[in-house]
Amino acid sequence: MNVSMLNVLLEFAPVPAEQPTYIGLGTTLMAPIAFGGPLAAGLLADALGYAAVFGSPRPRGDRARGHDRARARSALDRRAARRRPR
């Protein structure tokens, strides 16, 4: 649920006395989606793999360790470049 959803529901209510009803119905109708979305994504990840859900393969084994080392080296290089006098 995002921040503006409740404000939009308040705007949809025709009279102020019905605002609590609109808020209650709106949040109740969003509950199955908020519960089912992550559950469906988890089932999809189990069935089709990580790349199907997130769009890129997750590095595994030696590739993962090398990727982490390369990222750490590039971060150290950036820090060193900032410290060098110009």
N, C-alpha and C. Protein backbone atom coordinates (compact mmCIF):
# COMPACT_ATOMS: atom_id res chain seq x y z
N MET A 1 0.85 -1.17 0.00
CA MET A 1 0.00 0.00 0.00
C MET A 1 0.90 1.24 0.00
N ASN A 2 0.53 2.19 -0.78
CA ASN A 2 1.33 3.41 -0.81
C ASN A 2 0.65 4.53 -0.02
N VAL A 3 1.33 5.62 0.13
CA VAL A 3 0.85 6.71 0.98
C VAL A 3 -0.39 7.38 0.40
N SER A 4 -0.44 7.55 -0.91
CA SER A 4 -1.54 8.31 -1.49
C SER A 4 -2.83 7.51 -1.62
N MET A 5 -2.77 6.20 -1.44
CA MET A 5 -3.99 5.39 -1.61
C MET A 5 -5.10 5.82 -0.66
N LEU A 6 -4.75 6.06 0.58
CA LEU A 6 -5.77 6.46 1.55
C LEU A 6 -6.37 7.82 1.20
N ASN A 7 -5.55 8.73 0.71
CA ASN A 7 -6.07 10.04 0.31
C ASN A 7 -7.00 9.92 -0.88
N VAL A 8 -6.68 9.06 -1.82
CA VAL A 8 -7.54 8.85 -2.98
C VAL A 8 -8.87 8.27 -2.53
N LEU A 9 -8.85 7.32 -1.61
CA LEU A 9 -10.09 6.75 -1.11
C LEU A 9 -10.94 7.80 -0.41
N LEU A 10 -10.31 8.70 0.32
CA LEU A 10 -11.05 9.78 0.97
C LEU A 10 -11.70 10.70 -0.07
N GLU A 11 -11.03 10.92 -1.19
CA GLU A 11 -11.59 11.78 -2.24
C GLU A 11 -12.77 11.10 -2.93
N PHE A 12 -12.77 9.77 -3.01
CA PHE A 12 -13.87 9.05 -3.66
C PHE A 12 -15.16 9.09 -2.85
N ALA A 13 -15.05 9.24 -1.55
CA ALA A 13 -16.25 9.24 -0.69
C ALA A 13 -17.10 10.47 -1.01
N PRO A 14 -18.39 10.25 -1.28
CA PRO A 14 -19.24 11.38 -1.66
C PRO A 14 -19.49 12.36 -0.50
N VAL A 15 -19.59 11.86 0.71
CA VAL A 15 -19.79 12.73 1.88
C VAL A 15 -18.80 12.31 2.97
N PRO A 16 -18.39 13.23 3.83
CA PRO A 16 -17.41 12.89 4.88
C PRO A 16 -17.85 11.74 5.80
N ALA A 17 -19.15 11.56 5.98
CA ALA A 17 -19.62 10.48 6.87
C ALA A 17 -19.30 9.10 6.29
N GLU A 18 -19.10 8.99 4.99
CA GLU A 18 -18.80 7.70 4.36
C GLU A 18 -17.31 7.43 4.20
N GLN A 19 -16.47 8.36 4.60
CA GLN A 19 -15.03 8.18 4.44
C GLN A 19 -14.49 6.95 5.18
N PRO A 20 -14.90 6.69 6.43
CA PRO A 20 -14.39 5.48 7.09
C PRO A 20 -14.78 4.19 6.36
N THR A 21 -15.98 4.18 5.77
CA THR A 21 -16.41 3.00 5.01
C THR A 21 -15.54 2.79 3.79
N TYR A 22 -15.21 3.86 3.08
CA TYR A 22 -14.36 3.75 1.90
C TYR A 22 -12.95 3.30 2.28
N ILE A 23 -12.43 3.82 3.36
CA ILE A 23 -11.09 3.41 3.82
C ILE A 23 -11.11 1.93 4.19
N GLY A 24 -12.12 1.51 4.94
CA GLY A 24 -12.22 0.11 5.36
C GLY A 24 -12.35 -0.85 4.18
N LEU A 25 -13.22 -0.52 3.24
CA LEU A 25 -13.39 -1.38 2.08
C LEU A 25 -12.13 -1.40 1.20
N GLY A 26 -11.52 -0.25 1.03
CA GLY A 26 -10.32 -0.19 0.19
C GLY A 26 -9.17 -1.01 0.75
N THR A 27 -8.93 -0.90 2.05
CA THR A 27 -7.84 -1.66 2.65
C THR A 27 -8.17 -3.15 2.73
N THR A 28 -9.45 -3.48 2.93
CA THR A 28 -9.86 -4.88 2.95
C THR A 28 -9.68 -5.52 1.58
N LEU A 29 -10.00 -4.79 0.53
CA LEU A 29 -9.87 -5.34 -0.81
C LEU A 29 -8.40 -5.45 -1.24
N MET A 30 -7.53 -4.65 -0.66
CA MET A 30 -6.11 -4.72 -0.99
C MET A 30 -5.38 -5.84 -0.23
N ALA A 31 -5.95 -6.33 0.86
CA ALA A 31 -5.29 -7.33 1.69
C ALA A 31 -4.97 -8.62 0.93
N PRO A 32 -5.89 -9.19 0.14
CA PRO A 32 -5.52 -10.42 -0.59
C PRO A 32 -4.39 -10.20 -1.59
N ILE A 33 -4.35 -9.04 -2.21
CA ILE A 33 -3.29 -8.74 -3.17
C ILE A 33 -1.96 -8.59 -2.44
N ALA A 34 -1.98 -7.88 -1.30
CA ALA A 34 -0.76 -7.69 -0.53
C ALA A 34 -0.24 -9.01 0.03
N PHE A 35 -1.13 -9.95 0.33
CA PHE A 35 -0.72 -11.25 0.82
C PHE A 35 -0.30 -12.17 -0.33
N GLY A 36 -1.07 -12.15 -1.40
CA GLY A 36 -0.85 -13.10 -2.49
C GLY A 36 0.29 -12.75 -3.42
N GLY A 37 0.63 -11.47 -3.55
CA GLY A 37 1.70 -11.07 -4.46
C GLY A 37 3.04 -11.70 -4.12
N PRO A 38 3.53 -11.52 -2.90
CA PRO A 38 4.81 -12.15 -2.54
C PRO A 38 4.74 -13.68 -2.56
N LEU A 39 3.60 -14.24 -2.20
CA LEU A 39 3.43 -15.68 -2.23
C LEU A 39 3.53 -16.19 -3.67
N ALA A 40 2.86 -15.51 -4.59
CA ALA A 40 2.92 -15.90 -6.00
C ALA A 40 4.34 -15.74 -6.55
N ALA A 41 5.03 -14.67 -6.17
CA ALA A 41 6.41 -14.48 -6.64
C ALA A 41 7.32 -15.58 -6.11
N GLY A 42 7.13 -16.00 -4.88
CA GLY A 42 7.92 -17.09 -4.33
C GLY A 42 7.67 -18.40 -5.04
N LEU A 43 6.40 -18.70 -5.32
CA LEU A 43 6.08 -19.92 -6.05
C LEU A 43 6.63 -19.87 -7.47
N LEU A 44 6.56 -18.71 -8.09
CA LEU A 44 7.11 -18.54 -9.43
C LEU A 44 8.62 -18.72 -9.42
N ALA A 45 9.28 -18.18 -8.41
CA ALA A 45 10.74 -18.35 -8.30
C ALA A 45 11.10 -19.81 -8.10
N ASP A 46 10.31 -20.54 -7.31
CA ASP A 46 10.57 -21.97 -7.12
C ASP A 46 10.36 -22.75 -8.41
N ALA A 47 9.33 -22.40 -9.15
CA ALA A 47 9.00 -23.15 -10.35
C ALA A 47 9.89 -22.80 -11.53
N LEU A 48 10.14 -21.51 -11.75
CA LEU A 48 10.84 -21.08 -12.96
C LEU A 48 12.25 -20.58 -12.73
N GLY A 49 12.60 -20.31 -11.48
CA GLY A 49 13.94 -19.85 -11.18
C GLY A 49 14.00 -18.37 -10.87
N TYR A 50 15.14 -17.98 -10.36
CA TYR A 50 15.38 -16.60 -9.93
C TYR A 50 15.28 -15.62 -11.09
N ALA A 51 15.81 -15.97 -12.23
CA ALA A 51 15.83 -15.05 -13.37
C ALA A 51 14.43 -14.73 -13.87
N ALA A 52 13.50 -15.66 -13.77
CA ALA A 52 12.14 -15.42 -14.23
C ALA A 52 11.44 -14.36 -13.39
N VAL A 53 11.76 -14.30 -12.12
CA VAL A 53 11.11 -13.33 -11.24
C VAL A 53 11.82 -11.99 -11.26
N PHE A 54 13.14 -11.99 -11.21
CA PHE A 54 13.89 -10.76 -11.05
C PHE A 54 14.58 -10.28 -12.32
N GLY A 55 14.55 -11.05 -13.38
CA GLY A 55 15.04 -10.59 -14.66
C GLY A 55 16.51 -10.80 -14.94
N SER A 56 17.30 -11.20 -13.97
CA SER A 56 18.72 -11.45 -14.24
C SER A 56 19.17 -12.64 -13.40
N PRO A 57 20.09 -13.42 -13.92
CA PRO A 57 20.54 -14.57 -13.15
C PRO A 57 21.39 -14.16 -11.94
N ARG A 58 21.24 -14.87 -10.88
CA ARG A 58 22.03 -14.61 -9.68
C ARG A 58 23.37 -15.32 -9.82
N PRO A 59 24.48 -14.64 -9.59
CA PRO A 59 25.78 -15.32 -9.67
C PRO A 59 25.89 -16.41 -8.62
N ARG A 60 26.48 -17.53 -8.99
CA ARG A 60 26.63 -18.65 -8.06
C ARG A 60 28.09 -19.09 -8.01
N GLY A 61 28.46 -19.72 -6.93
CA GLY A 61 29.78 -20.34 -6.80
C GLY A 61 30.92 -19.36 -6.97
N ASP A 62 31.90 -19.75 -7.78
CA ASP A 62 33.09 -18.92 -7.99
C ASP A 62 32.74 -17.58 -8.63
N ARG A 63 31.76 -17.59 -9.51
CA ARG A 63 31.36 -16.32 -10.15
C ARG A 63 30.87 -15.33 -9.11
N ALA A 64 30.14 -15.82 -8.11
CA ALA A 64 29.63 -14.91 -7.08
C ALA A 64 30.77 -14.32 -6.26
N ARG A 65 31.73 -15.15 -5.89
CA ARG A 65 32.85 -14.64 -5.12
C ARG A 65 33.68 -13.66 -5.94
N GLY A 66 33.89 -13.96 -7.21
CA GLY A 66 34.63 -13.04 -8.07
C GLY A 66 33.89 -11.73 -8.26
N HIS A 67 32.59 -11.81 -8.38
CA HIS A 67 31.77 -10.60 -8.55
C HIS A 67 31.89 -9.72 -7.31
N ASP A 68 31.83 -10.33 -6.13
CA ASP A 68 31.95 -9.55 -4.90
C ASP A 68 33.33 -8.91 -4.79
N ARG A 69 34.37 -9.66 -5.17
CA ARG A 69 35.73 -9.11 -5.12
C ARG A 69 35.88 -7.94 -6.08
N ALA A 70 35.34 -8.10 -7.29
CA ALA A 70 35.45 -7.02 -8.28
C ALA A 70 34.72 -5.78 -7.81
N ARG A 71 33.57 -5.97 -7.20
CA ARG A 71 32.81 -4.82 -6.70
C ARG A 71 33.56 -4.14 -5.56
N ALA A 72 34.18 -4.91 -4.69
CA ALA A 72 34.94 -4.34 -3.58
C ALA A 72 36.17 -3.59 -4.11
N ARG A 73 36.84 -4.16 -5.12
CA ARG A 73 38.00 -3.48 -5.71
C ARG A 73 37.60 -2.17 -6.35
N SER A 74 36.48 -2.15 -7.07
CA SER A 74 36.08 -0.90 -7.72
C SER A 74 35.70 0.15 -6.67
N ALA A 75 35.13 -0.26 -5.56
CA ALA A 75 34.81 0.69 -4.49
C ALA A 75 36.09 1.26 -3.89
N LEU A 76 37.10 0.41 -3.69
CA LEU A 76 38.37 0.88 -3.16
C LEU A 76 39.06 1.82 -4.14
N ASP A 77 38.97 1.51 -5.45
CA ASP A 77 39.56 2.39 -6.46
C ASP A 77 38.89 3.76 -6.45
N ARG A 78 37.59 3.80 -6.30
CA ARG A 78 36.88 5.08 -6.26
C ARG A 78 37.29 5.89 -5.04
N ARG A 79 37.42 5.22 -3.89
CA ARG A 79 37.86 5.93 -2.68
C ARG A 79 39.26 6.48 -2.85
N ALA A 80 40.15 5.69 -3.41
CA ALA A 80 41.53 6.13 -3.61
C ALA A 80 41.58 7.30 -4.57
N ALA A 81 40.75 7.30 -5.60
CA ALA A 81 40.73 8.40 -6.56
C ALA A 81 40.26 9.68 -5.91
N ARG A 82 39.36 9.59 -4.96
CA ARG A 82 38.88 10.79 -4.27
C ARG A 82 39.95 11.38 -3.37
N ARG A 83 40.84 10.55 -2.84
CA ARG A 83 41.86 11.03 -1.91
C ARG A 83 43.06 11.64 -2.61
N ARG A 84 43.28 11.30 -3.88
CA ARG A 84 44.45 11.81 -4.60
C ARG A 84 44.38 13.32 -4.77
N PRO A 85 45.48 14.02 -4.52
CA PRO A 85 45.47 15.47 -4.75
C PRO A 85 45.44 15.75 -6.25
N ARG A 86 44.78 16.82 -6.60
CA ARG A 86 44.66 17.17 -8.03
C ARG A 86 45.49 18.37 -8.35
